[in-house]
Protein backbone atom coordinates (compact mmCIF):
# COMPACT_ATOMS: atom_id res chain seq x y z
CA MET A 1 109.55 124.73 88.56
CA GLN A 2 109.86 123.90 92.17
CA PRO A 3 112.19 125.66 94.32
CA PHE A 4 115.54 124.38 95.26
CA VAL A 5 115.78 122.76 98.87
CA GLU A 6 118.57 123.92 101.08
CA PRO A 7 120.66 121.39 102.68
CA ASP A 8 120.11 122.29 106.10
CA SER A 9 116.37 123.08 105.32
CA PRO A 10 113.98 120.81 107.87
CA ARG A 11 111.80 120.10 104.28
CA VAL A 12 114.80 117.50 102.91
CA ALA A 13 113.88 114.27 104.20
CA ALA A 14 110.21 115.00 103.06
CA ALA A 15 111.70 116.31 99.31
CA MET A 16 113.85 112.83 99.45
CA GLU A 17 110.95 110.62 99.98
CA GLU A 18 108.83 112.83 97.11
CA ASN A 19 111.98 112.48 94.98
CA MET A 20 111.91 108.56 95.60
CA ALA A 21 108.26 108.24 94.63
CA ASP A 22 108.63 110.70 91.65
CA HIS A 23 111.48 108.34 90.56
CA MET A 24 109.26 105.14 90.78
CA THR A 25 106.69 106.45 89.14
CA TYR A 26 107.45 108.72 86.32
CA LEU A 27 108.78 106.04 83.57
CA ALA A 28 106.40 103.62 85.35
CA ARG A 29 103.55 105.93 83.93
CA ARG A 30 104.73 105.85 80.21
CA HIS A 31 105.53 101.95 80.23
CA PRO A 32 102.77 99.33 78.49
CA GLY A 33 100.34 97.70 80.52
CA ALA A 34 101.62 99.59 83.74
CA THR A 35 99.22 100.95 86.39
CA VAL A 36 99.98 103.65 88.95
CA ARG A 37 97.60 104.46 91.94
CA ASP A 38 98.24 107.80 93.23
CA GLU A 39 95.99 108.11 95.90
CA PRO A 40 95.41 110.30 98.90
CA GLY A 41 97.72 108.34 101.38
CA LEU A 42 99.51 105.78 99.11
CA LEU A 43 101.19 105.32 96.08
CA LEU A 44 101.14 101.79 94.36
CA VAL A 45 103.00 101.48 91.38
CA ASP A 46 102.39 98.01 89.12
CA SER A 47 104.44 98.16 86.13
CA SER A 48 103.51 95.03 84.80
CA LEU A 49 106.52 92.85 84.96
CA PRO A 50 107.27 89.87 87.09
CA THR A 51 109.96 92.18 89.34
CA ASN A 52 109.99 94.03 92.41
CA THR A 53 112.51 96.73 91.18
CA PHE A 54 109.64 98.25 89.34
CA ASN A 55 106.48 96.83 91.30
CA VAL A 56 106.32 98.90 94.66
CA VAL A 57 104.08 100.57 97.45
CA CYS A 58 105.27 103.30 98.96
CA ARG A 59 104.62 106.88 100.62
CA ALA A 60 102.41 105.67 102.83
CA ARG A 61 100.15 108.20 104.74
CA LEU A 62 97.41 105.80 106.26
CA ARG A 63 95.10 106.90 109.18
CA PRO A 64 94.74 103.79 111.64
CA GLY A 65 91.02 103.37 110.96
CA ASP A 66 91.44 102.37 107.59
CA ALA A 67 95.16 101.40 107.23
CA ASP A 68 94.65 97.22 107.25
CA ALA A 69 92.13 97.47 104.90
CA ARG A 70 94.05 99.33 102.43
CA ILE A 71 97.20 97.48 103.29
CA ALA A 72 95.09 94.20 102.23
CA ALA A 73 93.98 95.69 99.28
CA ALA A 74 97.49 96.63 98.07
CA VAL A 75 98.75 93.30 98.85
CA ALA A 76 95.84 91.48 96.93
CA HIS A 77 96.18 93.21 93.95
CA PHE A 78 99.71 92.01 93.03
CA ARG A 79 98.97 88.61 94.63
CA ALA A 80 96.47 88.17 92.11
CA GLN A 81 98.56 89.20 89.56
CA SER A 82 101.12 86.66 90.98
CA ARG A 83 103.48 89.49 90.87
CA PRO A 84 106.48 90.37 93.82
CA PHE A 85 106.35 93.98 95.08
CA ALA A 86 108.00 95.91 97.60
CA TRP A 87 106.71 98.12 99.92
CA TRP A 88 108.91 100.97 100.85
CA VAL A 89 108.41 102.35 104.28
CA GLY A 90 109.98 106.24 104.59
CA PRO A 91 110.72 108.20 107.14
CA ASP A 92 107.26 110.03 107.42
CA ALA A 93 105.27 106.54 107.06
CA LEU A 94 102.13 106.57 108.76
CA PRO A 95 100.69 105.08 110.98
CA GLU A 96 103.03 104.83 113.33
CA ASP A 97 102.56 100.93 113.60
CA LEU A 98 102.52 100.95 109.55
CA GLU A 99 105.58 97.97 109.99
CA ALA A 100 103.73 95.94 112.54
CA ARG A 101 100.73 95.82 110.45
CA LEU A 102 102.58 95.15 107.33
CA THR A 103 103.92 91.92 109.35
CA ALA A 104 100.06 91.13 110.29
CA HIS A 105 99.45 90.95 106.49
CA GLY A 106 102.25 88.59 105.81
CA LEU A 107 105.23 90.60 104.42
CA THR A 108 108.72 90.59 106.12
CA CYS A 109 111.22 93.29 106.10
CA ALA A 110 113.83 92.53 103.46
CA GLU A 111 116.34 95.22 103.49
CA GLY A 112 117.13 98.67 105.87
CA GLU A 113 118.46 101.45 104.02
CA THR A 114 119.74 104.93 105.65
CA GLY A 115 118.27 108.13 103.76
CA MET A 116 121.24 110.31 103.18
CA ALA A 117 121.91 113.68 102.31
CA ALA A 118 124.16 116.47 101.16
CA ASP A 119 125.05 119.69 100.65
CA LEU A 120 126.81 120.35 96.92
CA SER A 121 128.49 122.95 97.06
CA ARG A 122 130.66 120.94 99.35
CA LEU A 123 131.29 117.80 96.94
CA PRO A 124 134.84 116.74 96.35
CA ALA A 125 136.56 116.70 92.82
CA LEU A 126 135.84 114.44 90.54
CA ALA A 127 138.65 111.62 89.69
CA LEU A 128 138.51 109.41 87.30
CA PRO A 129 140.21 105.66 87.81
CA ALA A 130 142.49 104.83 84.95
CA GLY A 131 140.74 103.55 81.58
CA LEU A 132 137.38 104.72 82.58
CA SER A 133 135.07 107.19 80.83
CA LEU A 134 131.86 108.46 81.78
CA ARG A 135 128.98 108.97 79.73
CA ARG A 136 125.39 110.92 80.16
CA VAL A 137 123.03 108.34 78.06
CA ARG A 138 122.01 110.24 74.85
CA THR A 139 121.19 107.24 72.84
CA THR A 140 119.04 104.10 73.02
CA ARG A 141 122.29 102.00 72.93
CA GLU A 142 123.72 103.75 76.09
CA LEU A 143 120.30 103.42 77.78
CA ASP A 144 120.77 99.47 76.96
CA ASP A 145 124.11 99.62 78.05
CA PHE A 146 122.92 101.65 81.68
CA ALA A 147 119.91 98.75 81.66
CA HIS A 148 122.77 95.61 81.52
CA VAL A 149 124.73 97.14 84.35
CA VAL A 150 121.90 97.66 86.37
CA ALA A 151 120.38 93.90 85.57
CA ARG A 152 123.70 92.83 86.64
CA ASN A 153 122.91 93.71 89.90
CA TRP A 154 121.14 90.40 90.04
CA GLU A 155 122.10 86.74 89.57
CA PRO A 156 121.13 85.72 87.01
CA MET A 157 120.87 89.03 85.55
CA ASP A 158 117.38 90.42 85.56
CA ARG A 159 115.88 90.55 82.06
CA ASN A 160 112.91 92.70 83.32
CA VAL A 161 115.47 95.43 83.81
CA LEU A 162 116.40 95.44 80.18
CA ALA A 163 112.41 95.17 79.28
CA PHE A 164 111.42 97.71 80.92
CA TYR A 165 114.33 100.61 79.77
CA ALA A 166 113.82 99.17 76.13
CA ALA A 167 109.94 99.76 76.84
CA THR A 168 110.06 103.63 77.91
CA ALA A 169 113.43 104.75 76.06
CA ALA A 170 111.53 107.26 74.30
CA TRP A 171 110.34 109.14 77.92
CA ALA A 172 114.00 108.32 79.46
CA LEU A 173 115.77 109.70 76.57
CA ALA A 174 113.53 113.47 76.41
CA PRO A 175 114.63 116.69 76.83
CA ASP A 176 112.18 117.02 79.77
CA CYS A 177 112.71 113.57 81.57
CA PRO A 178 113.27 114.47 84.79
CA ALA A 179 116.13 111.28 84.88
CA ARG A 180 119.88 111.51 83.91
CA PHE A 181 121.16 108.48 83.13
CA TYR A 182 124.93 107.35 83.34
CA VAL A 183 127.53 104.98 82.38
CA GLY A 184 130.95 104.30 83.33
CA TYR A 185 133.07 102.37 80.65
CA LEU A 186 136.10 100.94 81.69
CA ASP A 187 138.36 100.15 78.41
CA GLY A 188 135.31 100.61 76.53
CA ALA A 189 133.32 98.35 78.32
CA PRO A 190 130.13 99.43 80.38
CA VAL A 191 130.84 98.57 84.03
CA ALA A 192 129.40 100.88 85.81
CA SER A 193 125.89 103.07 86.58
CA SER A 194 123.95 105.80 88.25
CA GLU A 195 120.82 107.99 87.69
CA CYS A 196 120.19 111.26 88.97
CA HIS A 197 116.48 112.33 89.44
CA LEU A 198 115.78 115.73 89.96
CA ALA A 199 112.40 116.51 91.49
CA HIS A 200 110.70 118.14 94.10
CA GLY A 201 114.30 120.87 94.66
CA VAL A 202 116.57 117.96 95.34
CA ALA A 203 118.65 115.61 93.34
CA GLY A 204 118.19 112.54 93.91
CA LEU A 205 120.75 109.24 93.21
CA TYR A 206 119.76 106.01 91.82
CA SER A 207 121.10 102.83 90.47
CA VAL A 208 124.55 103.40 91.54
CA ALA A 209 126.22 99.94 90.50
CA THR A 210 129.28 98.74 89.17
CA VAL A 211 130.09 94.87 88.02
CA LYS A 212 131.37 92.69 90.39
CA GLU A 213 134.85 92.33 88.31
CA ALA A 214 135.47 96.00 87.90
CA ARG A 215 134.88 96.77 92.08
CA ARG A 216 137.29 98.88 94.69
CA ARG A 217 138.47 100.69 92.04
CA GLY A 218 136.76 103.78 92.77
CA ILE A 219 134.43 103.29 89.66
CA GLY A 220 131.30 103.78 92.01
CA THR A 221 132.46 106.99 93.37
CA ALA A 222 133.12 108.58 90.14
CA LEU A 223 129.59 107.56 88.95
CA THR A 224 128.04 109.38 91.93
CA LEU A 225 129.94 112.36 92.10
CA ALA A 226 129.41 113.17 87.84
CA PRO A 227 125.99 113.46 88.34
CA LEU A 228 125.89 115.32 91.43
CA LEU A 229 128.07 118.00 89.62
CA GLU A 230 126.02 118.05 86.76
CA ALA A 231 123.29 118.93 89.06
CA ARG A 232 124.96 121.37 90.94
CA GLU A 233 125.66 122.84 87.98
CA ALA A 234 121.87 122.96 87.04
CA GLY A 235 121.14 124.92 90.31
CA TYR A 236 120.76 122.15 92.76
CA ARG A 237 122.06 122.16 96.17
CA THR A 238 120.93 119.39 97.84
CA ALA A 239 121.56 115.78 96.97
CA THR A 240 119.61 112.65 98.21
CA LEU A 241 119.69 108.78 98.09
CA GLN A 242 119.03 105.45 100.13
CA ALA A 243 122.41 103.74 101.37
CA SER A 244 122.87 100.18 102.10
CA ALA A 245 125.01 99.55 105.69
CA ASP A 246 127.70 98.46 103.05
CA GLY A 247 127.37 101.93 100.98
CA GLN A 248 127.16 104.32 104.05
CA GLY A 249 130.43 104.65 104.73
CA VAL A 250 131.28 105.33 100.92
CA TYR A 251 128.71 107.96 100.96
CA ALA A 252 129.65 109.75 104.19
CA ARG A 253 133.25 110.12 103.03
CA LEU A 254 131.53 112.19 100.11
CA GLY A 255 129.56 114.50 102.52
CA PHE A 256 126.29 112.48 103.13
CA GLN A 257 124.52 112.89 106.48
CA PRO A 258 121.95 110.84 107.69
CA ARG A 259 118.25 112.02 107.10
CA GLY A 260 115.99 109.16 108.32
CA SER A 261 115.44 105.26 107.47
CA PHE A 262 113.42 103.44 104.89
CA ARG A 263 112.63 99.83 105.04
CA GLU A 264 111.66 97.43 102.10
CA TYR A 265 109.26 94.96 103.03
CA GLN A 266 108.37 91.89 100.40
């Protein structure tokens, strides 16, 4: 087991990016037909599904001399398959002009997020809104509930999300899976989700979502805290996540602080 990363460690930003890469690859490696190219300087994940949720390029540490050739090869891979993908640029990406090079290869910045980290010893107490129950996913039915909440982030619903988790359910539910999935049920109906990925010494939080009709009730906060409290019980000291502009304030109130930026190119 890798050592836990302390909240004030200079390794937090690197651990956050490595956790994100592990989150992107763990189940993808087990998806039928998927391709994962984990090469020095670049990680490419092609799930075989037509969605950039699971088709990504990240962890670029490219040398200036061959960066353009490797960018071109990664872009060509997905274009040859006619599949959308996302290129994530993290805080330690190289070369320093990577984003300008991605733009030159026809990609555009679609989203910017702030990497944030929190000291798990300082989390506030969990308070459940009225009518809400939280459940860590243990069964295929609960995993399907999780997938449906995540898929509803898009309109219309992205059914590729349902297909991905259905195809990888055996590994997602295995006791040794580094990912823990959670569902919030409001009066018995699944309305919220979150995922905690335990890897590289930090607890990475992902897939925090609440269906539109159940928002602004504190449900998202509950789905954020519950996984992190369990991670703390498992010995983890530091939580990490990537926050949108709308989410930064919510996470800051829970003790998260900025630790670098991430940008998504498509």
